């Protein structure tokens, strides 16, 4: 999922991916930075026990980012 924000004539992105691991849990990977940068500013990883828990965490992240001005692209 990709979120974008336009601030001070710069465009920032926030990307959220969910992957199932080989052990049956889920990895939530968040990456953010400026759209013009070659590398992301930071990458954050956390794990969830179930798919439902992972989706709840993603929705919480999206609500927080929407309050900061990010808009969903895809």
Protein backbone atom coordinates (compact mmCIF):
# COMPACT_ATOMS: atom_id res chain seq x y z
CA UNK A 1 0.00 0.00 0.00
CA UNK A 2 1.38 3.40 -0.93
CA UNK A 3 0.55 6.70 0.78
CA UNK A 4 1.72 10.12 -0.44
CA UNK A 5 1.95 13.52 1.22
CA UNK A 6 2.72 16.92 -0.33
CA UNK A 7 4.38 19.26 2.17
CA UNK A 8 6.56 22.35 1.64
CA UNK A 9 6.75 21.67 -2.12
CA UNK A 10 8.21 18.20 -1.43
CA UNK A 11 6.48 14.87 -1.88
CA UNK A 12 6.87 12.19 0.78
CA UNK A 13 5.85 8.54 0.56
CA UNK A 14 4.93 5.90 3.13
CA UNK A 15 4.82 2.30 1.90
CA UNK A 16 3.31 -0.57 3.91
CA UNK A 17 3.79 -4.22 2.92
CA UNK A 18 2.55 -7.39 4.63
CA UNK A 19 4.30 -10.72 4.04
CA UNK A 20 3.63 -14.18 5.43
CA UNK A 21 6.80 -15.74 6.82
CA UNK A 22 7.88 -19.37 6.65
CA UNK A 23 6.94 -19.79 10.31
CA UNK A 24 3.28 -18.84 9.79
CA UNK A 25 3.40 -15.36 11.28
CA UNK A 26 3.19 -12.09 9.33
CA UNK A 27 5.82 -9.41 8.73
CA UNK A 28 4.64 -5.82 8.47
CA UNK A 29 7.28 -3.72 6.72
CA UNK A 30 6.99 0.07 6.66
CA UNK A 31 9.22 2.24 4.51
CA UNK A 32 9.16 6.01 4.20
CA UNK A 33 11.11 8.91 2.78
CA UNK A 34 11.19 11.60 0.12
CA UNK A 35 10.05 10.61 -3.35
CA UNK A 36 13.17 12.15 -4.94
CA UNK A 37 15.62 10.25 -2.69
CA UNK A 38 17.34 7.12 -4.01
CA UNK A 39 17.05 5.28 -0.68
CA UNK A 40 14.29 5.30 1.93
CA UNK A 41 14.77 7.41 5.04
CA UNK A 42 13.88 4.48 7.30
CA UNK A 43 12.46 0.95 7.22
CA UNK A 44 10.50 -0.42 10.20
CA UNK A 45 9.65 -4.10 10.63
CA UNK A 46 7.25 -5.71 13.09
CA UNK A 47 5.56 -9.10 13.34
CA UNK A 48 2.00 -10.24 13.95
CA UNK A 49 0.80 -13.67 15.03
CA UNK A 50 -2.17 -13.86 12.65
CA UNK A 51 -3.45 -12.31 9.45
CA UNK A 52 -6.25 -10.57 11.35
CA UNK A 53 -3.77 -9.00 13.79
CA UNK A 54 -1.56 -7.87 10.89
CA UNK A 55 -4.48 -6.22 9.08
CA UNK A 56 -5.57 -4.46 12.29
CA UNK A 57 -2.05 -3.07 12.73
CA UNK A 58 -1.99 -1.89 9.09
CA UNK A 59 -5.35 -0.14 9.53
CA UNK A 60 -4.09 1.58 12.70
CA UNK A 61 -0.99 2.77 10.84
CA UNK A 62 -3.11 4.05 7.95
CA UNK A 63 -5.42 6.01 10.28
CA UNK A 64 -2.40 7.60 12.00
CA UNK A 65 -0.82 8.55 8.68
CA UNK A 66 -4.09 9.92 7.29
CA UNK A 67 -4.23 12.28 10.29
CA UNK A 68 -0.73 13.46 9.33
CA UNK A 69 -1.87 14.32 5.79
CA UNK A 70 -0.97 11.21 3.79
CA UNK A 71 -3.37 10.11 1.05
CA UNK A 72 -3.78 6.56 -0.28
CA UNK A 73 -2.48 6.04 -3.83
CA UNK A 74 -2.84 2.26 -4.27
